[in-house]
Amino acid sequence: MIEKIEPIPNKVPKALRLAAHQSKLIPFIGAGVSQLGGCPDWSKFAEDALKFFVEKGKLNHAQFEQISSLPSRAKLSVALDLEKSAGLHINFKKLLEPSEDKKKIGDEVYANLSRLATTFVTTNYDDWLDKNPSPILSADQPTSPSKPLDTSRRLFYKRSDISVENLDFPNAVFHIHGSTRDRESMVLTTVDYLDRYSSHRIDGKGNHENPFLTFLQTLFQLKNVLFIGYGLNELEVLEYIVQKGIKIPSNTREEPRHYVLQGFFTHEKELARSLESYFRQFGIGLLPFSRDEHDWDQLVMVIEYLAHEIPPGPPLNLPKRLEMEELLS
């Protein structure tokens, strides 16, 4: 049980330390990380998609005001319908561009994430993780005009590429909700979510497997996942992933193998405890940190700490053999 919420969660669970040493730790990155670098949150992203049509004269301010009260995915559905009727194209990549005043912080955050692991999974559409930065930057250092960031990670963003067969590619990033590189790959609306997370089913005419869910289930079975950048307002997205991808363990008293890194104000200890109990049902532990001093910017320091504390170990053949045994057991 959570007793105290510290600015830095200095008691890193043994499961995460061991996973990092065995190169089995997979950071699962949410929008909160990109927001540190000046990218919009989910709500602003949907709102800006609608504002595009206001600027183009295809939506007046009164209509925009009415639509603004809808949930984000509903607003995106309206925006996509307007695209078709107006014959205009929303530049989603431009909507996700980081702000200049925070881009350097984003470079530092993602550089430290690169020290934490080599393979990543993300629900983000942006290309922050696609870059493999070197060397580590610091927010208070002057920008170097020399060599730009290398785009050298193996990228998987099309639905057909999010598969178990690709899970063991080194130095890779899986955009499980698509990427701005391919508009058709992006999971934007409620219909898109329902289709992507549609369950396996057997109807007597054959086994209809959803390879995407097989990917998630295998990921959680063989790897140790650390969720980073999912705020309380994004629990709906996280619940989709958790409930579809993780088999409920028979013994919730066992130490979790996966963790959610989550920020709280120190007076929210009871909320943190409630979420801790909820996630433990799925074999997921809660790793809290305090937002009292720096709000969500505290996550910058937490990621830097973890990058130094549990860097990945050298690639080994032994974990791969153990993974195969675990799949067969």
C-alpha atoms as a PDB file:
ATOM      1  CA  MET A   1       0.000   0.000   0.000  1.00  0.00           C
ATOM      2  CA  ILE A   2       1.180   3.510  -0.841  1.00  0.00           C
ATOM      3  CA  GLU A   3       2.299   5.304   2.327  1.00  0.00           C
ATOM      4  CA  LYS A   4       3.915   8.423   0.902  1.00  0.00           C
ATOM      5  CA  ILE A   5       4.112  10.102  -2.507  1.00  0.00           C
ATOM      6  CA  GLU A   6       7.650  11.299  -3.156  1.00  0.00           C
ATOM      7  CA  PRO A   7       8.845  13.658  -5.931  1.00  0.00           C
ATOM      8  CA  ILE A   8      11.036  10.825  -7.227  1.00  0.00           C
ATOM      9  CA  PRO A   9       9.894   7.193  -6.797  1.00  0.00           C
ATOM     10  CA  ASN A  10      13.301   6.138  -5.484  1.00  0.00           C
ATOM     11  CA  LYS A  11      12.189   2.617  -4.595  1.00  0.00           C
ATOM     12  CA  VAL A  12      12.264   1.122  -8.074  1.00  0.00           C
ATOM     13  CA  PRO A  13      10.529  -2.302  -7.984  1.00  0.00           C
ATOM     14  CA  LYS A  14      12.768  -5.343  -8.368  1.00  0.00           C
ATOM     15  CA  ALA A  15      10.720  -6.525 -11.358  1.00  0.00           C
ATOM     16  CA  LEU A  16      11.609  -3.368 -13.285  1.00  0.00           C
ATOM     17  CA  ARG A  17      15.283  -3.561 -12.328  1.00  0.00           C
ATOM     18  CA  LEU A  18      15.514  -7.176 -13.452  1.00  0.00           C
ATOM     19  CA  ALA A  19      13.589  -6.482 -16.660  1.00  0.00           C
ATOM     20  CA  ALA A  20      15.924  -3.602 -17.528  1.00  0.00           C
ATOM     21  CA  HIS A  21      18.979  -5.787 -16.859  1.00  0.00           C
ATOM     22  CA  GLN A  22      17.554  -8.495 -19.131  1.00  0.00           C
ATOM     23  CA  SER A  23      16.554  -5.943 -21.815  1.00  0.00           C
ATOM     24  CA  LYS A  24      12.895  -6.953 -21.362  1.00  0.00           C
ATOM     25  CA  LEU A  25      11.610  -3.570 -20.178  1.00  0.00           C
ATOM     26  CA  ILE A  26       9.248  -1.926 -22.690  1.00  0.00           C
ATOM     27  CA  PRO A  27       8.183   1.689 -22.002  1.00  0.00           C
ATOM     28  CA  PHE A  28       4.591   2.265 -23.130  1.00  0.00           C
ATOM     29  CA  ILE A  29       4.404   5.978 -23.936  1.00  0.00           C
ATOM     30  CA  GLY A  30       1.298   8.167 -23.688  1.00  0.00           C
ATOM     31  CA  ALA A  31       0.462  11.738 -24.716  1.00  0.00           C
ATOM     32  CA  GLY A  32       1.666  13.162 -21.391  1.00  0.00           C
ATOM     33  CA  VAL A  33       5.281  12.634 -22.443  1.00  0.00           C
ATOM     34  CA  SER A  34       4.879  14.490 -25.748  1.00  0.00           C
ATOM     35  CA  GLN A  35       3.087  17.318 -23.927  1.00  0.00           C
ATOM     36  CA  LEU A  36       6.313  17.941 -22.003  1.00  0.00           C
ATOM     37  CA  GLY A  37       7.807  18.895 -25.373  1.00  0.00           C
ATOM     38  CA  GLY A  38       4.953  21.243 -26.238  1.00  0.00           C
ATOM     39  CA  CYS A  39       2.624  18.931 -28.154  1.00  0.00           C
ATOM     40  CA  PRO A  40      -1.134  19.383 -27.588  1.00  0.00           C
ATOM     41  CA  ASP A  41      -3.142  17.145 -25.301  1.00  0.00           C
ATOM     42  CA  TRP A  42      -5.914  14.969 -26.717  1.00  0.00           C
ATOM     43  CA  SER A  43      -8.613  17.605 -26.148  1.00  0.00           C
ATOM     44  CA  LYS A  44      -6.700  20.431 -27.843  1.00  0.00           C
ATOM     45  CA  PHE A  45      -5.729  18.133 -30.711  1.00  0.00           C
ATOM     46  CA  ALA A  46      -9.410  17.435 -31.444  1.00  0.00           C
ATOM     47  CA  GLU A  47     -10.343  21.099 -30.993  1.00  0.00           C
ATOM     48  CA  ASP A  48      -7.597  22.271 -33.366  1.00  0.00           C
ATOM     49  CA  ALA A  49      -8.850  19.827 -36.004  1.00  0.00           C
ATOM     50  CA  LEU A  50     -12.211  21.632 -35.877  1.00  0.00           C
ATOM     51  CA  LYS A  51     -10.630  25.100 -35.810  1.00  0.00           C
ATOM     52  CA  PHE A  52      -9.057  24.264 -39.156  1.00  0.00           C
ATOM     53  CA  PHE A  53     -12.533  24.386 -40.711  1.00  0.00           C
ATOM     54  CA  VAL A  54     -13.391  27.618 -38.915  1.00  0.00           C
ATOM     55  CA  GLU A  55     -10.294  29.184 -40.468  1.00  0.00           C
ATOM     56  CA  LYS A  56     -11.310  27.850 -43.885  1.00  0.00           C
ATOM     57  CA  GLY A  57     -14.843  29.263 -43.541  1.00  0.00           C
ATOM     58  CA  LYS A  58     -16.487  25.833 -43.547  1.00  0.00           C
ATOM     59  CA  LEU A  59     -17.623  26.062 -39.908  1.00  0.00           C
ATOM     60  CA  ASN A  60     -18.889  29.227 -38.236  1.00  0.00           C
ATOM     61  CA  HIS A  61     -18.141  30.188 -34.646  1.00  0.00           C
ATOM     62  CA  ALA A  62     -21.636  29.352 -33.422  1.00  0.00           C
ATOM     63  CA  GLN A  63     -21.381  25.827 -34.860  1.00  0.00           C
ATOM     64  CA  PHE A  64     -17.887  25.433 -33.432  1.00  0.00           C
ATOM     65  CA  GLU A  65     -19.092  26.453 -29.967  1.00  0.00           C
ATOM     66  CA  GLN A  66     -21.848  23.829 -30.033  1.00  0.00           C
ATOM     67  CA  ILE A  67     -19.528  21.049 -31.208  1.00  0.00           C
ATOM     68  CA  SER A  68     -16.843  21.995 -28.658  1.00  0.00           C
ATOM     69  CA  SER A  69     -18.870  20.446 -25.832  1.00  0.00           C
ATOM     70  CA  LEU A  70     -18.682  16.985 -27.433  1.00  0.00           C
ATOM     71  CA  PRO A  71     -16.110  14.367 -26.320  1.00  0.00           C
ATOM     72  CA  SER A  72     -12.794  14.512 -28.160  1.00  0.00           C
ATOM     73  CA  ARG A  73     -13.359  11.442 -30.314  1.00  0.00           C
ATOM     74  CA  ALA A  74     -16.800  12.758 -31.327  1.00  0.00           C
ATOM     75  CA  LYS A  75     -15.222  16.080 -32.329  1.00  0.00           C
ATOM     76  CA  LEU A  76     -12.684  14.207 -34.440  1.00  0.00           C
ATOM     77  CA  SER A  77     -15.495  12.276 -36.106  1.00  0.00           C
ATOM     78  CA  VAL A  78     -17.157  15.584 -37.026  1.00  0.00           C
ATOM     79  CA  ALA A  79     -13.833  16.912 -38.340  1.00  0.00           C
ATOM     80  CA  LEU A  80     -13.320  13.839 -40.536  1.00  0.00           C
ATOM     81  CA  ASP A  81     -16.850  14.199 -41.929  1.00  0.00           C
ATOM     82  CA  LEU A  82     -16.128  17.849 -42.705  1.00  0.00           C
ATOM     83  CA  GLU A  83     -12.986  16.778 -44.518  1.00  0.00           C
ATOM     84  CA  LYS A  84     -15.029  14.683 -46.915  1.00  0.00           C
ATOM     85  CA  SER A  85     -17.830  17.201 -47.451  1.00  0.00           C
ATOM     86  CA  ALA A  86     -15.524  20.212 -47.824  1.00  0.00           C
ATOM     87  CA  GLY A  87     -12.854  18.437 -49.843  1.00  0.00           C
ATOM     88  CA  LEU A  88     -10.127  19.717 -47.506  1.00  0.00           C
ATOM     89  CA  HIS A  89      -7.288  17.809 -45.857  1.00  0.00           C
ATOM     90  CA  ILE A  90      -6.381  18.221 -42.162  1.00  0.00           C
ATOM     91  CA  ASN A  91      -2.624  18.307 -41.640  1.00  0.00           C
ATOM     92  CA  PHE A  92      -2.475  16.232 -38.438  1.00  0.00           C
ATOM     93  CA  LYS A  93       1.312  16.323 -38.399  1.00  0.00           C
ATOM     94  CA  LYS A  94       1.208  20.127 -38.212  1.00  0.00           C
ATOM     95  CA  LEU A  95      -1.362  19.990 -35.385  1.00  0.00           C
ATOM     96  CA  LEU A  96       1.076  17.864 -33.364  1.00  0.00           C
ATOM     97  CA  GLU A  97       4.138  20.033 -33.898  1.00  0.00           C
ATOM     98  CA  PRO A  98       5.859  20.866 -30.588  1.00  0.00           C
ATOM     99  CA  SER A  99       6.034  24.454 -29.414  1.00  0.00           C
ATOM    100  CA  GLU A 100       9.424  26.110 -29.855  1.00  0.00           C
ATOM    101  CA  ASP A 101       9.694  27.103 -26.192  1.00  0.00           C
ATOM    102  CA  LYS A 102       9.344  23.486 -25.016  1.00  0.00           C
ATOM    103  CA  LYS A 103      10.914  21.510 -27.850  1.00  0.00           C
ATOM    104  CA  LYS A 104      14.297  21.425 -26.129  1.00  0.00           C
ATOM    105  CA  ILE A 105      12.704  19.888 -23.026  1.00  0.00           C
ATOM    106  CA  GLY A 106      11.100  17.271 -25.270  1.00  0.00           C
ATOM    107  CA  ASP A 107      14.494  16.473 -26.798  1.00  0.00           C
ATOM    108  CA  GLU A 108      15.899  15.936 -23.311  1.00  0.00           C
ATOM    109  CA  VAL A 109      12.978  13.743 -22.199  1.00  0.00           C
ATOM    110  CA  TYR A 110      13.072  11.493 -25.246  1.00  0.00           C
ATOM    111  CA  ALA A 111      16.857  11.262 -25.111  1.00  0.00           C
ATOM    112  CA  ASN A 112      16.577   9.983 -21.544  1.00  0.00           C
ATOM    113  CA  LEU A 113      13.876   7.529 -22.593  1.00  0.00           C
ATOM    114  CA  SER A 114      16.384   6.217 -25.131  1.00  0.00           C
ATOM    115  CA  ARG A 115      18.703   5.459 -22.231  1.00  0.00           C
ATOM    116  CA  LEU A 116      15.935   3.539 -20.477  1.00  0.00           C
ATOM    117  CA  ALA A 117      15.167   1.056 -23.266  1.00  0.00           C
ATOM    118  CA  THR A 118      15.639   0.334 -26.960  1.00  0.00           C
ATOM    119  CA  THR A 119      12.119  -0.770 -27.928  1.00  0.00           C
ATOM    120  CA  PHE A 120       8.994   1.297 -27.298  1.00  0.00           C
ATOM    121  CA  VAL A 121       5.233   1.012 -27.662  1.00  0.00           C
ATOM    122  CA  THR A 122       3.113   4.152 -27.910  1.00  0.00           C
ATOM    123  CA  THR A 123      -0.441   5.328 -28.508  1.00  0.00           C
ATOM    124  CA  ASN A 124       0.932   8.663 -29.783  1.00  0.00           C
ATOM    125  CA  TYR A 125       0.745   9.653 -33.444  1.00  0.00           C
ATOM    126  CA  ASP A 126       3.746  12.008 -33.320  1.00  0.00           C
ATOM    127  CA  ASP A 127       7.310  11.178 -34.348  1.00  0.00           C
ATOM    128  CA  TRP A 128       9.217  11.938 -31.129  1.00  0.00           C
ATOM    129  CA  LEU A 129      10.071   8.269 -30.572  1.00  0.00           C
ATOM    130  CA  ASP A 130      11.007   7.731 -34.218  1.00  0.00           C
ATOM    131  CA  LYS A 131      14.215   9.631 -33.604  1.00  0.00           C
ATOM    132  CA  ASN A 132      17.173   7.943 -31.954  1.00  0.00           C
ATOM    133  CA  PRO A 133      18.928  10.883 -30.271  1.00  0.00           C
ATOM    134  CA  SER A 134      22.592  11.077 -29.406  1.00  0.00           C
ATOM    135  CA  PRO A 135      24.057  12.495 -27.234  1.00  0.00           C
ATOM    136  CA  ILE A 136      21.830  13.235 -24.211  1.00  0.00           C
ATOM    137  CA  LEU A 137      20.738  16.864 -24.143  1.00  0.00           C
ATOM    138  CA  SER A 138      20.054  19.006 -21.121  1.00  0.00           C
ATOM    139  CA  ALA A 139      17.381  21.697 -21.035  1.00  0.00           C
ATOM    140  CA  ASP A 140      19.881  24.331 -19.780  1.00  0.00           C
ATOM    141  CA  GLN A 141      22.557  23.596 -22.413  1.00  0.00           C
ATOM    142  CA  PRO A 142      22.851  25.610 -25.646  1.00  0.00           C
ATOM    143  CA  THR A 143      21.497  23.964 -28.778  1.00  0.00           C
ATOM    144  CA  SER A 144      24.168  22.346 -30.933  1.00  0.00           C
ATOM    145  CA  PRO A 145      24.027  23.308 -34.631  1.00  0.00           C
ATOM    146  CA  SER A 146      25.935  20.178 -35.625  1.00  0.00           C
ATOM    147  CA  LYS A 147      24.545  16.746 -36.425  1.00  0.00           C
ATOM    148  CA  PRO A 148      20.719  16.457 -36.421  1.00  0.00           C
ATOM    149  CA  LEU A 149      18.830  13.629 -34.752  1.00  0.00           C
ATOM    150  CA  ASP A 150      19.056  10.325 -36.612  1.00  0.00           C
ATOM    151  CA  THR A 151      15.799   8.681 -37.656  1.00  0.00           C
ATOM    152  CA  SER A 152      17.088   5.158 -37.270  1.00  0.00           C
ATOM    153  CA  ARG A 153      14.510   3.244 -35.265  1.00  0.00           C
ATOM    154  CA  ARG A 154      12.534   0.522 -36.970  1.00  0.00           C
ATOM    155  CA  LEU A 155       8.999   1.901 -37.255  1.00  0.00           C
ATOM    156  CA  PHE A 156       5.784  -0.119 -37.054  1.00  0.00           C
ATOM    157  CA  TYR A 157       2.571   1.864 -37.444  1.00  0.00           C
ATOM    158  CA  LYS A 158       0.377   0.092 -39.983  1.00  0.00           C
ATOM    159  CA  ARG A 159      -2.139  -2.278 -38.457  1.00  0.00           C
ATOM    160  CA  SER A 160      -0.667  -5.248 -40.334  1.00  0.00           C
ATOM    161  CA  ASP A 161       2.768  -4.479 -38.868  1.00  0.00           C
ATOM    162  CA  ILE A 162       1.633  -4.509 -35.222  1.00  0.00           C
ATOM    163  CA  SER A 163       2.267  -8.228 -34.915  1.00  0.00           C
ATOM    164  CA  VAL A 164       3.991 -10.745 -32.683  1.00  0.00           C
ATOM    165  CA  GLU A 165       6.464 -11.511 -35.464  1.00  0.00           C
ATOM    166  CA  ASN A 166       7.839  -7.972 -35.253  1.00  0.00           C
ATOM    167  CA  LEU A 167       7.979  -7.757 -31.463  1.00  0.00           C
ATOM    168  CA  ASP A 168      11.623  -8.825 -31.209  1.00  0.00           C
ATOM    169  CA  PHE A 169      13.048  -6.331 -33.688  1.00  0.00           C
ATOM    170  CA  PRO A 170      15.736  -4.351 -31.828  1.00  0.00           C
ATOM    171  CA  ASN A 171      15.670  -0.555 -31.698  1.00  0.00           C
ATOM    172  CA  ALA A 172      12.010  -0.319 -32.704  1.00  0.00           C
ATOM    173  CA  VAL A 173       8.888   1.695 -31.939  1.00  0.00           C
ATOM    174  CA  PHE A 174       5.323   0.427 -32.288  1.00  0.00           C
ATOM    175  CA  HIS A 175       2.703   3.135 -32.908  1.00  0.00           C
ATOM    176  CA  ILE A 176      -0.268   0.958 -32.000  1.00  0.00           C
ATOM    177  CA  HIS A 177      -2.786   3.711 -32.831  1.00  0.00           C
ATOM    178  CA  GLY A 178      -1.019   4.705 -36.019  1.00  0.00           C
ATOM    179  CA  SER A 179       1.251   7.555 -37.051  1.00  0.00           C
ATOM    180  CA  THR A 180       0.986  10.861 -38.902  1.00  0.00           C
ATOM    181  CA  ARG A 181       3.299   9.221 -41.460  1.00  0.00           C
ATOM    182  CA  ASP A 182       0.266   7.285 -42.707  1.00  0.00           C
ATOM    183  CA  ARG A 183      -3.116   8.938 -42.330  1.00  0.00           C
ATOM    184  CA  GLU A 184      -5.003   5.661 -42.860  1.00  0.00           C
ATOM    185  CA  SER A 185      -3.203   4.054 -39.911  1.00  0.00           C
ATOM    186  CA  MET A 186      -4.458   6.584 -37.339  1.00  0.00           C
ATOM    187  CA  VAL A 187      -7.033   5.428 -34.768  1.00  0.00           C
ATOM    188  CA  LEU A 188      -9.058   8.606 -34.260  1.00  0.00           C
ATOM    189  CA  THR A 189     -12.769   7.940 -33.774  1.00  0.00           C
ATOM    190  CA  THR A 190     -14.820   5.659 -31.538  1.00  0.00           C
ATOM    191  CA  VAL A 191     -15.489   3.421 -34.536  1.00  0.00           C
ATOM    192  CA  ASP A 192     -11.721   3.159 -35.104  1.00  0.00           C
ATOM    193  CA  TYR A 193     -11.181   2.118 -31.466  1.00  0.00           C
ATOM    194  CA  LEU A 194     -13.938  -0.485 -31.540  1.00  0.00           C
ATOM    195  CA  ASP A 195     -12.533  -1.950 -34.729  1.00  0.00           C
ATOM    196  CA  ARG A 196      -8.919  -2.012 -33.487  1.00  0.00           C
ATOM    197  CA  TYR A 197      -9.848  -3.627 -30.171  1.00  0.00           C
ATOM    198  CA  SER A 198     -12.529  -5.988 -31.461  1.00  0.00           C
ATOM    199  CA  SER A 199     -12.283  -9.251 -29.557  1.00  0.00           C
ATOM    200  CA  HIS A 200     -11.182 -12.638 -30.779  1.00  0.00           C
ATOM    201  CA  ARG A 201     -14.175 -14.730 -31.667  1.00  0.00           C
ATOM    202  CA  ILE A 202     -14.875 -18.284 -32.780  1.00  0.00           C
ATOM    203  CA  ASP A 203     -18.160 -18.641 -34.683  1.00  0.00           C
ATOM    204  CA  GLY A 204     -17.897 -22.206 -35.975  1.00  0.00           C
ATOM    205  CA  LYS A 205     -16.736 -21.049 -39.406  1.00  0.00           C
ATOM    206  CA  GLY A 206     -13.139 -20.643 -38.423  1.00  0.00           C
ATOM    207  CA  ASN A 207     -10.994 -18.918 -35.837  1.00  0.00           C
ATOM    208  CA  HIS A 208     -11.208 -15.143 -36.342  1.00  0.00           C
ATOM    209  CA  GLU A 209      -8.086 -13.870 -34.653  1.00  0.00           C
ATOM    210  CA  ASN A 210      -7.387 -10.210 -34.048  1.00  0.00           C
ATOM    211  CA  PRO A 211      -3.567 -10.099 -34.549  1.00  0.00           C
ATOM    212  CA  PHE A 212      -3.461  -6.728 -32.810  1.00  0.00           C
ATOM    213  CA  LEU A 213      -4.835  -8.201 -29.584  1.00  0.00           C
ATOM    214  CA  THR A 214      -2.488 -11.155 -29.952  1.00  0.00           C
ATOM    215  CA  PHE A 215       0.365  -8.636 -30.115  1.00  0.00           C
ATOM    216  CA  LEU A 216      -0.808  -6.923 -26.907  1.00  0.00           C
ATOM    217  CA  GLN A 217      -1.346 -10.204 -25.085  1.00  0.00           C
ATOM    218  CA  THR A 218       2.088 -11.514 -26.088  1.00  0.00           C
ATOM    219  CA  LEU A 219       3.716  -8.205 -25.150  1.00  0.00           C
ATOM    220  CA  PHE A 220       2.279  -8.349 -21.631  1.00  0.00           C
ATOM    221  CA  GLN A 221       3.025 -12.050 -21.288  1.00  0.00           C
ATOM    222  CA  LEU A 222       6.694 -11.904 -22.294  1.00  0.00           C
ATOM    223  CA  LYS A 223       7.860  -8.382 -21.498  1.00  0.00           C
ATOM    224  CA  ASN A 224       7.714  -6.017 -18.531  1.00  0.00           C
ATOM    225  CA  VAL A 225       5.778  -2.896 -19.467  1.00  0.00           C
ATOM    226  CA  LEU A 226       6.162   0.529 -17.862  1.00  0.00           C
ATOM    227  CA  PHE A 227       3.332   2.935 -18.752  1.00  0.00           C
ATOM    228  CA  ILE A 228       4.583   6.542 -18.878  1.00  0.00           C
ATOM    229  CA  GLY A 229       2.606   9.678 -19.685  1.00  0.00           C
ATOM    230  CA  TYR A 230      -0.958   8.578 -19.031  1.00  0.00           C
ATOM    231  CA  GLY A 231      -2.847  11.110 -16.920  1.00  0.00           C
ATOM    232  CA  LEU A 232      -6.045  10.421 -15.015  1.00  0.00           C
ATOM    233  CA  ASN A 233      -8.006  11.951 -17.908  1.00  0.00           C
ATOM    234  CA  GLU A 234      -6.574   9.266 -20.198  1.00  0.00           C
ATOM    235  CA  LEU A 235      -7.572   6.268 -18.113  1.00  0.00           C
ATOM    236  CA  GLU A 236     -10.217   5.360 -20.694  1.00  0.00           C
ATOM    237  CA  VAL A 237      -7.526   4.716 -23.308  1.00  0.00           C
ATOM    238  CA  LEU A 238      -5.376   2.875 -20.797  1.00  0.00           C
ATOM    239  CA  GLU A 239      -8.308   0.700 -19.728  1.00  0.00           C
ATOM    240  CA  TYR A 240      -8.897  -0.319 -23.352  1.00  0.00           C
ATOM    241  CA  ILE A 241      -5.332  -1.553 -23.574  1.00  0.00           C
ATOM    242  CA  VAL A 242      -5.166  -3.170 -20.156  1.00  0.00           C
ATOM    243  CA  GLN A 243      -8.510  -4.978 -20.274  1.00  0.00           C
ATOM    244  CA  LYS A 244      -7.958  -6.304 -23.792  1.00  0.00           C
ATOM    245  CA  GLY A 245      -4.286  -7.164 -23.437  1.00  0.00           C
ATOM    246  CA  ILE A 246      -3.745  -8.536 -19.937  1.00  0.00           C
ATOM    247  CA  LYS A 247      -5.162 -11.749 -18.594  1.00  0.00           C
ATOM    248  CA  ILE A 248      -6.392 -11.272 -15.033  1.00  0.00           C
ATOM    249  CA  PRO A 249      -3.908 -13.100 -12.776  1.00  0.00           C
ATOM    250  CA  SER A 250      -5.258 -15.783 -10.448  1.00  0.00           C
ATOM    251  CA  ASN A 251      -3.266 -14.443  -7.505  1.00  0.00           C
ATOM    252  CA  THR A 252      -3.278 -10.655  -7.133  1.00  0.00           C
ATOM    253  CA  ARG A 253      -0.886 -10.909  -4.173  1.00  0.00           C
ATOM    254  CA  GLU A 254       2.000 -11.711  -6.477  1.00  0.00           C
ATOM    255  CA  GLU A 255       4.402  -8.873  -7.181  1.00  0.00           C
ATOM    256  CA  PRO A 256       3.362  -7.044 -10.383  1.00  0.00           C
ATOM    257  CA  ARG A 257       5.528  -7.402 -13.486  1.00  0.00           C
ATOM    258  CA  HIS A 258       4.103  -4.242 -15.139  1.00  0.00           C
ATOM    259  CA  TYR A 259       3.842  -0.718 -13.717  1.00  0.00           C
ATOM    260  CA  VAL A 260       2.082   2.594 -14.337  1.00  0.00           C
ATOM    261  CA  LEU A 261       4.116   5.729 -13.630  1.00  0.00           C
ATOM    262  CA  GLN A 262       1.548   8.234 -12.395  1.00  0.00           C
ATOM    263  CA  GLY A 263       1.704  11.735 -10.916  1.00  0.00           C
ATOM    264  CA  PHE A 264      -0.387  12.845  -7.933  1.00  0.00           C
ATOM    265  CA  PHE A 265      -0.556  15.743  -5.554  1.00  0.00           C
ATOM    266  CA  THR A 266       0.411  14.548  -2.094  1.00  0.00           C
ATOM    267  CA  HIS A 267      -3.106  15.152  -0.751  1.00  0.00           C
ATOM    268  CA  GLU A 268      -4.397  12.624  -3.321  1.00  0.00           C
ATOM    269  CA  LYS A 269      -2.997   9.645  -1.405  1.00  0.00           C
ATOM    270  CA  GLU A 270      -6.396   7.944  -1.124  1.00  0.00           C
ATOM    271  CA  LEU A 271      -6.946   8.335  -4.869  1.00  0.00           C
ATOM    272  CA  ALA A 272      -3.516   6.809  -5.485  1.00  0.00           C
ATOM    273  CA  ARG A 273      -4.356   3.880  -3.219  1.00  0.00           C
ATOM    274  CA  SER A 274      -7.650   3.290  -5.030  1.00  0.00           C
ATOM    275  CA  LEU A 275      -5.934   3.259  -8.410  1.00  0.00           C
ATOM    276  CA  GLU A 276      -3.251   0.982  -6.997  1.00  0.00           C
ATOM    277  CA  SER A 277      -5.934  -1.551  -5.998  1.00  0.00           C
ATOM    278  CA  TYR A 278      -7.625  -1.249  -9.382  1.00  0.00           C
ATOM    279  CA  PHE A 279      -4.484  -1.900 -11.416  1.00  0.00           C
ATOM    280  CA  ARG A 280      -3.368  -4.755  -9.167  1.00  0.00           C
ATOM    281  CA  GLN A 281      -6.347  -6.731 -10.468  1.00  0.00           C
ATOM    282  CA  PHE A 282      -4.494  -6.899 -13.776  1.00  0.00           C
ATOM    283  CA  GLY A 283      -1.054  -7.599 -12.354  1.00  0.00           C
ATOM    284  CA  ILE A 284      -0.013  -3.953 -12.733  1.00  0.00           C
ATOM    285  CA  GLY A 285       1.651  -1.939  -9.992  1.00  0.00           C
ATOM    286  CA  LEU A 286       1.422   1.807  -9.438  1.00  0.00           C
ATOM    287  CA  LEU A 287       4.599   3.865  -9.276  1.00  0.00           C
ATOM    288  CA  PRO A 288       3.530   7.316  -7.958  1.00  0.00           C
ATOM    289  CA  PHE A 289       5.414  10.608  -7.942  1.00  0.00           C
ATOM    290  CA  SER A 290       4.528  13.984  -6.466  1.00  0.00           C
ATOM    291  CA  ARG A 291       3.380  16.895  -8.655  1.00  0.00           C
ATOM    292  CA  ASP A 292       3.374  19.393  -5.774  1.00  0.00           C
ATOM    293  CA  GLU A 293       6.415  21.450  -6.822  1.00  0.00           C
ATOM    294  CA  HIS A 294       6.553  21.212 -10.627  1.00  0.00           C
ATOM    295  CA  ASP A 295       3.182  19.739 -11.637  1.00  0.00           C
ATOM    296  CA  TRP A 296       3.563  17.466 -14.692  1.00  0.00           C
ATOM    297  CA  ASP A 297       7.032  18.873 -15.445  1.00  0.00           C
ATOM    298  CA  GLN A 298       8.160  16.694 -12.535  1.00  0.00           C
ATOM    299  CA  LEU A 299       7.932  13.802 -15.006  1.00  0.00           C
ATOM    300  CA  VAL A 300      11.044  15.184 -16.754  1.00  0.00           C
ATOM    301  CA  MET A 301      13.086  14.590 -13.601  1.00  0.00           C
ATOM    302  CA  VAL A 302      11.471  11.205 -12.923  1.00  0.00           C
ATOM    303  CA  ILE A 303      12.357   9.924 -16.405  1.00  0.00           C
ATOM    304  CA  GLU A 304      15.919  11.216 -16.036  1.00  0.00           C
ATOM    305  CA  TYR A 305      16.207   9.405 -12.697  1.00  0.00           C
ATOM    306  CA  LEU A 306      14.937   6.126 -14.126  1.00  0.00           C
ATOM    307  CA  ALA A 307      17.269   6.418 -17.137  1.00  0.00           C
ATOM    308  CA  HIS A 308      20.248   6.565 -14.759  1.00  0.00           C
ATOM    309  CA  GLU A 309      18.877   4.077 -12.248  1.00  0.00           C
ATOM    310  CA  ILE A 310      17.766   1.200 -14.490  1.00  0.00           C
ATOM    311  CA  PRO A 311      19.499   1.423 -17.894  1.00  0.00           C
ATOM    312  CA  PRO A 312      19.078  -1.590 -20.207  1.00  0.00           C
ATOM    313  CA  GLY A 313      21.561  -4.425 -19.920  1.00  0.00           C
ATOM    314  CA  PRO A 314      23.427  -5.957 -22.871  1.00  0.00           C
ATOM    315  CA  PRO A 315      21.389  -8.115 -25.286  1.00  0.00           C
ATOM    316  CA  LEU A 316      21.418 -11.746 -24.164  1.00  0.00           C
ATOM    317  CA  ASN A 317      20.278 -14.976 -25.789  1.00  0.00           C
ATOM    318  CA  LEU A 318      19.103 -16.437 -22.478  1.00  0.00           C
ATOM    319  CA  PRO A 319      16.015 -14.185 -22.065  1.00  0.00           C
ATOM    320  CA  LYS A 320      14.818 -15.152 -25.552  1.00  0.00           C
ATOM    321  CA  ARG A 321      14.968 -18.845 -24.635  1.00  0.00           C
ATOM    322  CA  LEU A 322      13.134 -18.152 -21.389  1.00  0.00           C
ATOM    323  CA  GLU A 323      10.461 -16.227 -23.300  1.00  0.00           C
ATOM    324  CA  MET A 324       9.860 -19.208 -25.581  1.00  0.00           C
ATOM    325  CA  GLU A 325       9.521 -21.484 -22.575  1.00  0.00           C
ATOM    326  CA  GLU A 326       7.082 -19.059 -20.965  1.00  0.00           C
ATOM    327  CA  LEU A 327       4.930 -18.973 -24.102  1.00  0.00           C
ATOM    328  CA  LEU A 328       4.811 -22.765 -24.227  1.00  0.00           C
ATOM    329  CA  SER A 329       4.050 -23.205 -20.515  1.00  0.00           C
END
